């Protein structure tokens, strides 16, 4: 069992799609989500539970998922991801204007999972020492499996969808 090893938290990182427009060209860059103090994913399964009359126990099936990611960060300047979330928060963006793609990457295997999330701000400024923001990213689309590639040591990534 010498090939078994624990995976450190900093080896599984998230990348947030920031869309920028220059003239008539629009590009989305997936930036590493830096300086976050929390990025905790909850699967939030949708369950169907019942008990059949001929059995003395109940049964449950998972019928779907509604994942969310709780986030919190200390405000830093010149970080595109934080700037975008702060814009969504301060401008009170609604609907599709507050939806962003996020890619979760295992940096040891380059396995990646991409999904659109609604950015749901919750609170800000609740720390006496530094200015903070928190909220949730809530599921807004299907999970897409793939791989991630990087040319800058995982500061940004490109995503390639897996062929099924």
N, C-alpha and C. Protein backbone atom coordinates (compact mmCIF):
# COMPACT_ATOMS: atom_id res chain seq x y z
N UNK A 1 0.82 -1.20 0.00
CA UNK A 1 0.00 0.00 0.00
C UNK A 1 0.86 1.25 0.00
N UNK A 2 2.06 1.20 -0.45
CA UNK A 2 2.94 2.35 -0.44
C UNK A 2 2.50 3.44 -1.41
N UNK A 3 1.60 3.11 -2.35
CA UNK A 3 1.13 4.12 -3.30
C UNK A 3 -0.04 4.94 -2.76
N UNK A 4 -0.51 4.64 -1.55
CA UNK A 4 -1.61 5.36 -0.93
C UNK A 4 -1.04 6.59 -0.22
N UNK A 5 -1.61 7.76 -0.55
CA UNK A 5 -1.16 8.97 0.15
C UNK A 5 -2.33 9.93 0.30
N UNK A 6 -2.28 10.71 1.34
CA UNK A 6 -3.33 11.67 1.63
C UNK A 6 -3.22 12.86 0.66
N UNK A 7 -4.35 13.45 0.34
CA UNK A 7 -4.38 14.61 -0.55
C UNK A 7 -4.53 15.86 0.31
N UNK A 8 -3.59 16.75 0.19
CA UNK A 8 -3.62 18.00 0.95
C UNK A 8 -4.65 18.95 0.33
N UNK A 9 -5.28 19.75 1.18
CA UNK A 9 -6.36 20.65 0.74
C UNK A 9 -5.91 21.60 -0.37
N UNK A 10 -4.69 22.10 -0.30
CA UNK A 10 -4.24 23.07 -1.29
C UNK A 10 -3.96 22.46 -2.66
N UNK A 11 -4.10 21.14 -2.77
CA UNK A 11 -3.91 20.47 -4.06
C UNK A 11 -5.21 20.42 -4.88
N UNK A 12 -6.34 20.67 -4.23
CA UNK A 12 -7.63 20.75 -4.91
C UNK A 12 -8.02 22.22 -4.89
N UNK A 13 -7.96 22.87 -6.05
CA UNK A 13 -8.18 24.32 -6.09
C UNK A 13 -9.29 24.68 -7.07
N UNK A 14 -9.83 25.85 -6.87
CA UNK A 14 -10.96 26.32 -7.67
C UNK A 14 -10.52 27.48 -8.56
N UNK A 15 -11.14 27.54 -9.75
CA UNK A 15 -10.89 28.59 -10.73
C UNK A 15 -12.23 29.17 -11.14
N UNK A 16 -12.30 30.48 -11.17
CA UNK A 16 -13.54 31.24 -11.36
C UNK A 16 -13.44 31.97 -12.69
N UNK A 17 -14.48 31.84 -13.50
CA UNK A 17 -14.48 32.46 -14.82
C UNK A 17 -14.84 33.93 -14.77
N UNK A 18 -13.88 34.77 -15.15
CA UNK A 18 -14.10 36.21 -15.25
C UNK A 18 -14.15 36.57 -16.73
N UNK A 19 -15.26 37.16 -17.15
CA UNK A 19 -15.43 37.54 -18.55
C UNK A 19 -15.04 39.00 -18.73
N UNK A 20 -14.20 39.22 -19.73
CA UNK A 20 -13.71 40.57 -20.02
C UNK A 20 -13.98 40.88 -21.49
N UNK A 21 -14.39 42.11 -21.76
CA UNK A 21 -14.65 42.54 -23.13
C UNK A 21 -13.67 43.63 -23.51
N UNK A 22 -13.04 43.42 -24.67
CA UNK A 22 -12.12 44.41 -25.23
C UNK A 22 -12.53 44.64 -26.67
N UNK A 23 -13.15 45.80 -26.92
CA UNK A 23 -13.67 46.06 -28.26
C UNK A 23 -14.82 45.11 -28.56
N UNK A 24 -14.70 44.34 -29.63
CA UNK A 24 -15.75 43.38 -29.98
C UNK A 24 -15.40 41.96 -29.54
N UNK A 25 -14.29 41.81 -28.82
CA UNK A 25 -13.85 40.49 -28.37
C UNK A 25 -14.19 40.27 -26.90
N UNK A 26 -14.85 39.15 -26.61
CA UNK A 26 -15.18 38.77 -25.25
C UNK A 26 -14.46 37.47 -24.92
N UNK A 27 -13.73 37.44 -23.83
CA UNK A 27 -13.02 36.24 -23.40
C UNK A 27 -13.30 35.97 -21.93
N UNK A 28 -13.32 34.69 -21.58
CA UNK A 28 -13.46 34.28 -20.19
C UNK A 28 -12.16 33.63 -19.77
N UNK A 29 -11.58 34.14 -18.71
CA UNK A 29 -10.34 33.60 -18.15
C UNK A 29 -10.67 32.97 -16.81
N UNK A 30 -10.17 31.76 -16.60
CA UNK A 30 -10.39 31.06 -15.34
C UNK A 30 -9.21 31.31 -14.41
N UNK A 31 -9.42 32.23 -13.46
CA UNK A 31 -8.40 32.62 -12.50
C UNK A 31 -8.51 31.78 -11.23
N UNK A 32 -7.36 31.45 -10.66
CA UNK A 32 -7.34 30.74 -9.38
C UNK A 32 -8.02 31.61 -8.33
N UNK A 33 -8.81 30.99 -7.49
CA UNK A 33 -9.53 31.71 -6.44
C UNK A 33 -8.58 31.87 -5.25
N UNK A 34 -7.85 33.00 -5.26
CA UNK A 34 -6.82 33.26 -4.26
C UNK A 34 -7.37 33.99 -3.05
N UNK A 35 -6.74 33.74 -1.91
CA UNK A 35 -6.99 34.45 -0.65
C UNK A 35 -8.39 34.21 -0.09
N UNK A 36 -8.97 33.04 -0.40
CA UNK A 36 -10.25 32.64 0.19
C UNK A 36 -9.98 31.91 1.49
N UNK A 37 -10.74 32.24 2.53
CA UNK A 37 -10.60 31.55 3.81
C UNK A 37 -11.57 30.39 3.92
N UNK A 38 -12.54 30.33 3.01
CA UNK A 38 -13.47 29.20 2.97
C UNK A 38 -13.92 28.95 1.55
N UNK A 39 -13.89 27.69 1.15
CA UNK A 39 -14.49 27.19 -0.09
C UNK A 39 -14.92 25.76 0.21
N UNK A 40 -16.07 25.63 0.84
CA UNK A 40 -16.56 24.33 1.29
C UNK A 40 -17.77 23.91 0.47
N UNK A 41 -17.64 22.79 -0.22
CA UNK A 41 -18.71 22.31 -1.10
C UNK A 41 -19.67 21.40 -0.35
N UNK A 42 -20.96 21.63 -0.57
CA UNK A 42 -22.03 20.76 -0.05
C UNK A 42 -22.76 20.17 -1.24
N UNK A 43 -22.99 18.88 -1.21
CA UNK A 43 -23.66 18.22 -2.34
C UNK A 43 -25.17 18.48 -2.34
N UNK A 44 -25.78 18.62 -1.18
CA UNK A 44 -27.22 18.88 -1.05
C UNK A 44 -28.05 17.91 -1.91
N UNK A 45 -27.97 16.61 -1.62
CA UNK A 45 -28.72 15.66 -2.43
C UNK A 45 -30.23 15.85 -2.30
N UNK A 46 -30.92 15.59 -3.38
CA UNK A 46 -32.38 15.62 -3.40
C UNK A 46 -32.83 14.18 -3.20
N UNK A 47 -33.50 13.93 -2.08
CA UNK A 47 -33.83 12.57 -1.70
C UNK A 47 -35.31 12.26 -1.91
N UNK A 48 -35.57 11.00 -2.20
CA UNK A 48 -36.93 10.48 -2.26
C UNK A 48 -37.01 9.34 -1.25
N UNK A 49 -37.71 9.59 -0.15
CA UNK A 49 -37.83 8.58 0.89
C UNK A 49 -39.26 8.07 0.97
N UNK A 50 -39.37 6.77 1.29
CA UNK A 50 -40.69 6.17 1.43
C UNK A 50 -40.56 4.88 2.21
N UNK A 51 -41.71 4.39 2.69
CA UNK A 51 -41.76 3.08 3.33
C UNK A 51 -42.85 2.27 2.66
N UNK A 52 -42.48 1.08 2.23
CA UNK A 52 -43.46 0.19 1.60
C UNK A 52 -44.22 -0.57 2.68
N UNK A 53 -45.48 -0.83 2.41
CA UNK A 53 -46.34 -1.44 3.42
C UNK A 53 -45.93 -2.85 3.80
N UNK A 54 -45.19 -3.53 2.92
CA UNK A 54 -44.79 -4.91 3.22
C UNK A 54 -43.38 -5.02 3.80
N UNK A 55 -42.78 -3.86 4.17
CA UNK A 55 -41.42 -3.87 4.73
C UNK A 55 -41.39 -3.04 6.01
N UNK A 56 -40.59 -3.48 7.01
CA UNK A 56 -40.56 -2.77 8.29
C UNK A 56 -39.54 -1.64 8.34
N UNK A 57 -39.06 -1.21 7.20
CA UNK A 57 -38.04 -0.16 7.16
C UNK A 57 -38.33 0.78 6.01
N UNK A 58 -37.76 1.95 6.09
CA UNK A 58 -37.89 2.92 5.01
C UNK A 58 -36.72 2.80 4.05
N UNK A 59 -36.90 3.29 2.84
CA UNK A 59 -35.83 3.30 1.84
C UNK A 59 -35.71 4.71 1.27
N UNK A 60 -34.51 5.04 0.87
CA UNK A 60 -34.24 6.37 0.32
C UNK A 60 -33.41 6.24 -0.93
N UNK A 61 -33.75 7.02 -1.94
CA UNK A 61 -32.96 7.12 -3.16
C UNK A 61 -32.57 8.57 -3.38
N UNK A 62 -31.40 8.77 -3.96
CA UNK A 62 -30.97 10.10 -4.36
C UNK A 62 -31.50 10.36 -5.76
N UNK A 63 -32.27 11.42 -5.92
CA UNK A 63 -32.92 11.72 -7.20
C UNK A 63 -32.22 12.85 -7.96
N UNK A 64 -31.33 13.54 -7.29
CA UNK A 64 -30.61 14.63 -7.92
C UNK A 64 -29.70 15.30 -6.91
N UNK A 65 -29.03 16.35 -7.37
CA UNK A 65 -28.13 17.11 -6.51
C UNK A 65 -28.35 18.59 -6.74
N UNK A 66 -28.13 19.37 -5.69
CA UNK A 66 -28.22 20.81 -5.77
C UNK A 66 -27.00 21.39 -5.05
N UNK A 67 -25.80 21.18 -5.63
CA UNK A 67 -24.58 21.56 -4.91
C UNK A 67 -24.45 23.06 -4.69
N UNK A 68 -23.74 23.37 -3.62
CA UNK A 68 -23.41 24.76 -3.32
C UNK A 68 -22.00 24.79 -2.74
N UNK A 69 -21.37 25.95 -2.83
CA UNK A 69 -20.05 26.15 -2.27
C UNK A 69 -20.11 27.39 -1.39
N UNK A 70 -19.88 27.21 -0.09
CA UNK A 70 -19.82 28.35 0.82
C UNK A 70 -18.47 29.02 0.64
N UNK A 71 -18.48 30.35 0.51
CA UNK A 71 -17.21 31.06 0.34
C UNK A 71 -17.06 32.17 1.36
N UNK A 72 -15.81 32.48 1.62
CA UNK A 72 -15.46 33.64 2.44
C UNK A 72 -14.05 34.06 2.04
N UNK A 73 -13.82 35.36 2.03
CA UNK A 73 -12.47 35.85 1.72
C UNK A 73 -12.20 37.17 2.40
N UNK A 74 -10.91 37.38 2.65
CA UNK A 74 -10.42 38.68 3.10
C UNK A 74 -10.21 39.51 1.84
N UNK A 75 -10.71 40.73 1.83
CA UNK A 75 -10.62 41.57 0.64
C UNK A 75 -9.16 41.95 0.36
N UNK A 76 -8.75 41.67 -0.89
CA UNK A 76 -7.44 42.07 -1.40
C UNK A 76 -7.66 42.88 -2.68
N UNK A 77 -6.76 43.74 -2.98
CA UNK A 77 -6.84 44.50 -4.22
C UNK A 77 -6.12 43.75 -5.33
N UNK A 78 -6.55 44.01 -6.56
CA UNK A 78 -5.91 43.47 -7.77
C UNK A 78 -6.01 41.96 -7.91
N UNK A 79 -7.11 41.37 -7.41
CA UNK A 79 -7.41 39.96 -7.65
C UNK A 79 -8.72 39.91 -8.43
N UNK A 80 -8.67 39.52 -9.71
CA UNK A 80 -9.85 39.58 -10.58
C UNK A 80 -11.08 38.83 -10.05
N UNK A 81 -10.88 37.70 -9.39
CA UNK A 81 -12.02 36.94 -8.88
C UNK A 81 -12.72 37.72 -7.78
N UNK A 82 -11.94 38.20 -6.81
CA UNK A 82 -12.54 38.98 -5.73
C UNK A 82 -13.21 40.24 -6.26
N UNK A 83 -12.58 40.91 -7.19
CA UNK A 83 -13.16 42.12 -7.77
C UNK A 83 -14.51 41.83 -8.42
N UNK A 84 -14.63 40.69 -9.11
CA UNK A 84 -15.89 40.34 -9.76
C UNK A 84 -16.98 40.04 -8.73
N UNK A 85 -16.64 39.28 -7.69
CA UNK A 85 -17.63 38.97 -6.65
C UNK A 85 -18.05 40.24 -5.92
N UNK A 86 -17.11 41.13 -5.65
CA UNK A 86 -17.43 42.40 -5.00
C UNK A 86 -18.35 43.24 -5.88
N UNK A 87 -18.11 43.24 -7.19
CA UNK A 87 -18.98 43.97 -8.13
C UNK A 87 -20.40 43.39 -8.09
N UNK A 88 -20.52 42.08 -8.12
CA UNK A 88 -21.84 41.44 -8.03
C UNK A 88 -22.52 41.86 -6.74
N UNK A 89 -21.76 41.88 -5.63
CA UNK A 89 -22.32 42.24 -4.32
C UNK A 89 -22.72 43.71 -4.27
N UNK A 90 -21.79 44.59 -4.59
CA UNK A 90 -22.05 46.03 -4.46
C UNK A 90 -23.10 46.55 -5.44
N UNK A 91 -23.09 46.01 -6.67
CA UNK A 91 -24.05 46.46 -7.68
C UNK A 91 -25.38 45.70 -7.60
N UNK A 92 -25.46 44.74 -6.68
CA UNK A 92 -26.68 43.94 -6.49
C UNK A 92 -27.16 43.34 -7.80
N UNK A 93 -26.23 42.69 -8.53
CA UNK A 93 -26.57 42.08 -9.81
C UNK A 93 -27.57 40.95 -9.63
N UNK A 94 -28.43 40.78 -10.63
CA UNK A 94 -29.53 39.81 -10.56
C UNK A 94 -29.46 38.81 -11.70
N UNK A 95 -30.13 37.68 -11.53
CA UNK A 95 -30.31 36.70 -12.59
C UNK A 95 -29.01 36.26 -13.23
N UNK A 96 -29.02 36.18 -14.57
CA UNK A 96 -27.85 35.71 -15.31
C UNK A 96 -26.63 36.62 -15.14
N UNK A 97 -26.84 37.87 -14.74
CA UNK A 97 -25.71 38.78 -14.53
C UNK A 97 -24.86 38.36 -13.33
N UNK A 98 -25.40 37.46 -12.48
CA UNK A 98 -24.68 37.00 -11.30
C UNK A 98 -24.32 35.52 -11.39
N UNK A 99 -24.25 34.97 -12.60
CA UNK A 99 -23.89 33.56 -12.80
C UNK A 99 -22.47 33.49 -13.36
N UNK A 100 -21.66 32.63 -12.75
CA UNK A 100 -20.27 32.47 -13.18
C UNK A 100 -19.90 30.98 -13.20
N UNK A 101 -19.05 30.59 -14.15
CA UNK A 101 -18.55 29.21 -14.16
C UNK A 101 -17.40 29.05 -13.17
N UNK A 102 -17.37 27.90 -12.52
CA UNK A 102 -16.28 27.55 -11.61
C UNK A 102 -15.77 26.17 -11.99
N UNK A 103 -14.45 26.04 -12.00
CA UNK A 103 -13.80 24.76 -12.27
C UNK A 103 -13.05 24.34 -11.02
N UNK A 104 -13.29 23.12 -10.55
CA UNK A 104 -12.55 22.54 -9.44
C UNK A 104 -11.50 21.60 -10.04
N UNK A 105 -10.24 21.77 -9.66
CA UNK A 105 -9.14 21.02 -10.28
C UNK A 105 -8.32 20.30 -9.22
N UNK A 106 -8.05 19.02 -9.48
CA UNK A 106 -7.06 18.27 -8.71
C UNK A 106 -5.72 18.51 -9.39
N UNK A 107 -4.87 19.29 -8.77
CA UNK A 107 -3.63 19.71 -9.42
C UNK A 107 -2.60 18.59 -9.55
N UNK A 108 -2.84 17.47 -8.88
CA UNK A 108 -1.92 16.33 -9.03
C UNK A 108 -2.30 15.45 -10.21
N UNK A 109 -3.59 15.42 -10.57
CA UNK A 109 -4.03 14.56 -11.67
C UNK A 109 -4.54 15.33 -12.88
N UNK A 110 -4.81 16.63 -12.70
CA UNK A 110 -5.42 17.51 -13.69
C UNK A 110 -6.88 17.17 -14.00
N UNK A 111 -7.49 16.27 -13.20
CA UNK A 111 -8.92 16.02 -13.33
C UNK A 111 -9.65 17.30 -12.94
N UNK A 112 -10.74 17.60 -13.65
CA UNK A 112 -11.45 18.86 -13.41
C UNK A 112 -12.95 18.67 -13.56
N UNK A 113 -13.70 19.48 -12.83
CA UNK A 113 -15.15 19.47 -12.87
C UNK A 113 -15.61 20.92 -12.99
N UNK A 114 -16.44 21.18 -13.99
CA UNK A 114 -16.90 22.54 -14.27
C UNK A 114 -18.41 22.62 -14.12
N UNK A 115 -18.88 23.74 -13.59
CA UNK A 115 -20.32 23.96 -13.44
C UNK A 115 -20.57 25.45 -13.32
N UNK A 116 -21.72 25.91 -13.80
CA UNK A 116 -22.15 27.29 -13.59
C UNK A 116 -22.79 27.41 -12.21
N UNK A 117 -22.50 28.53 -11.55
CA UNK A 117 -23.05 28.80 -10.23
C UNK A 117 -23.59 30.22 -10.18
N UNK A 118 -24.70 30.41 -9.46
CA UNK A 118 -25.19 31.74 -9.13
C UNK A 118 -24.40 32.23 -7.92
N UNK A 119 -23.89 33.45 -8.00
CA UNK A 119 -23.15 34.05 -6.88
C UNK A 119 -24.19 34.68 -5.95
N UNK A 120 -24.26 34.16 -4.72
CA UNK A 120 -25.24 34.62 -3.74
C UNK A 120 -24.50 35.27 -2.57
N UNK A 121 -24.33 36.59 -2.58
CA UNK A 121 -23.63 37.26 -1.47
C UNK A 121 -24.44 37.13 -0.18
N UNK A 122 -23.72 37.11 0.94
CA UNK A 122 -24.39 37.00 2.22
C UNK A 122 -24.02 38.15 3.15
N UNK A 123 -22.74 38.26 3.49
CA UNK A 123 -22.35 39.31 4.42
C UNK A 123 -20.99 39.88 4.04
N UNK A 124 -20.72 41.06 4.58
CA UNK A 124 -19.43 41.69 4.36
C UNK A 124 -19.09 42.54 5.58
N UNK A 125 -17.79 42.72 5.79
CA UNK A 125 -17.32 43.62 6.83
C UNK A 125 -17.51 43.12 8.24
N UNK A 126 -17.60 41.80 8.45
CA UNK A 126 -17.87 41.30 9.79
C UNK A 126 -16.60 40.94 10.59
N UNK A 127 -15.46 41.45 10.16
CA UNK A 127 -14.21 41.21 10.89
C UNK A 127 -13.61 42.57 11.24
N UNK A 128 -13.17 42.71 12.45
CA UNK A 128 -12.64 43.99 12.92
C UNK A 128 -11.26 44.29 12.34
N UNK A 129 -10.52 43.27 11.92
CA UNK A 129 -9.14 43.44 11.47
C UNK A 129 -9.01 43.68 9.97
N UNK A 130 -9.77 42.96 9.17
CA UNK A 130 -9.72 43.10 7.71
C UNK A 130 -11.16 43.09 7.19
N UNK A 131 -11.32 43.64 5.97
CA UNK A 131 -12.65 43.65 5.38
C UNK A 131 -12.90 42.30 4.73
N UNK A 132 -14.02 41.68 5.04
CA UNK A 132 -14.33 40.34 4.56
C UNK A 132 -15.64 40.30 3.79
N UNK A 133 -15.77 39.29 2.95
CA UNK A 133 -17.01 39.00 2.22
C UNK A 133 -17.30 37.51 2.39
N UNK A 134 -18.60 37.15 2.38
CA UNK A 134 -18.97 35.74 2.41
C UNK A 134 -20.29 35.55 1.69
N UNK A 135 -20.55 34.32 1.34
CA UNK A 135 -21.78 33.97 0.66
C UNK A 135 -21.74 32.54 0.17
N UNK A 136 -22.51 32.27 -0.87
CA UNK A 136 -22.58 30.93 -1.44
C UNK A 136 -22.61 31.00 -2.95
N UNK A 137 -22.01 30.02 -3.56
CA UNK A 137 -22.20 29.77 -4.98
C UNK A 137 -23.22 28.64 -5.05
N UNK A 138 -24.34 28.87 -5.76
CA UNK A 138 -25.40 27.86 -5.83
C UNK A 138 -25.53 27.34 -7.25
N UNK A 139 -25.77 26.06 -7.34
CA UNK A 139 -25.84 25.34 -8.62
C UNK A 139 -26.76 26.04 -9.63
N UNK A 140 -26.23 26.19 -10.85
CA UNK A 140 -27.00 26.83 -11.91
C UNK A 140 -26.89 26.05 -13.23
N UNK A 141 -26.29 24.85 -13.19
CA UNK A 141 -26.15 24.08 -14.42
C UNK A 141 -25.62 22.69 -14.14
N UNK A 142 -25.52 21.93 -15.20
CA UNK A 142 -25.04 20.56 -15.09
C UNK A 142 -23.55 20.49 -14.86
N UNK A 143 -23.12 19.41 -14.23
CA UNK A 143 -21.71 19.15 -14.00
C UNK A 143 -21.08 18.64 -15.29
N UNK A 144 -19.93 19.21 -15.63
CA UNK A 144 -19.19 18.79 -16.82
C UNK A 144 -17.83 18.29 -16.36
N UNK A 145 -17.52 17.04 -16.69
CA UNK A 145 -16.23 16.45 -16.31
C UNK A 145 -15.22 16.72 -17.41
N UNK A 146 -13.96 16.86 -17.01
CA UNK A 146 -12.92 17.10 -18.00
C UNK A 146 -11.54 17.13 -17.36
N UNK A 147 -10.65 17.82 -18.04
CA UNK A 147 -9.28 17.99 -17.54
C UNK A 147 -8.91 19.47 -17.64
N UNK A 148 -7.95 19.84 -16.83
CA UNK A 148 -7.46 21.21 -16.83
C UNK A 148 -6.01 21.23 -17.28
N UNK A 149 -5.65 22.27 -18.00
CA UNK A 149 -4.26 22.49 -18.41
C UNK A 149 -3.86 23.89 -17.95
N UNK A 150 -2.58 24.03 -17.65
CA UNK A 150 -2.09 25.32 -17.20
C UNK A 150 -0.74 25.62 -17.83
N UNK A 151 -0.51 26.88 -18.11
CA UNK A 151 0.78 27.32 -18.64
C UNK A 151 1.49 28.22 -17.64
N UNK A 152 0.86 28.45 -16.47
CA UNK A 152 1.42 29.38 -15.49
C UNK A 152 1.35 28.84 -14.06
N UNK A 153 1.61 27.55 -13.90
CA UNK A 153 1.66 26.91 -12.59
C UNK A 153 0.35 27.09 -11.81
N UNK A 154 -0.75 26.84 -12.49
CA UNK A 154 -2.09 26.87 -11.91
C UNK A 154 -2.50 28.24 -11.35
N UNK A 155 -2.09 29.30 -12.02
CA UNK A 155 -2.64 30.62 -11.73
C UNK A 155 -3.91 30.83 -12.55
N UNK A 156 -3.92 30.26 -13.76
CA UNK A 156 -5.10 30.19 -14.63
C UNK A 156 -5.12 28.80 -15.22
N UNK A 157 -6.30 28.38 -15.72
CA UNK A 157 -6.41 27.09 -16.39
C UNK A 157 -7.29 27.21 -17.62
N UNK A 158 -7.11 26.24 -18.52
CA UNK A 158 -8.06 26.02 -19.61
C UNK A 158 -8.68 24.66 -19.37
N UNK A 159 -9.94 24.53 -19.73
CA UNK A 159 -10.72 23.33 -19.45
C UNK A 159 -11.02 22.61 -20.75
N UNK A 160 -10.84 21.30 -20.74
CA UNK A 160 -11.22 20.46 -21.88
C UNK A 160 -12.23 19.44 -21.40
N UNK A 161 -13.40 19.47 -22.00
CA UNK A 161 -14.45 18.54 -21.61
C UNK A 161 -14.07 17.11 -22.01
N UNK A 162 -14.38 16.17 -21.13
CA UNK A 162 -14.10 14.77 -21.40
C UNK A 162 -15.07 14.25 -22.45
N UNK A 163 -14.58 13.41 -23.34
CA UNK A 163 -15.48 12.79 -24.32
C UNK A 163 -16.06 11.53 -23.71
N UNK A 164 -17.36 11.39 -23.82
CA UNK A 164 -18.03 10.23 -23.21
C UNK A 164 -18.28 9.16 -24.22
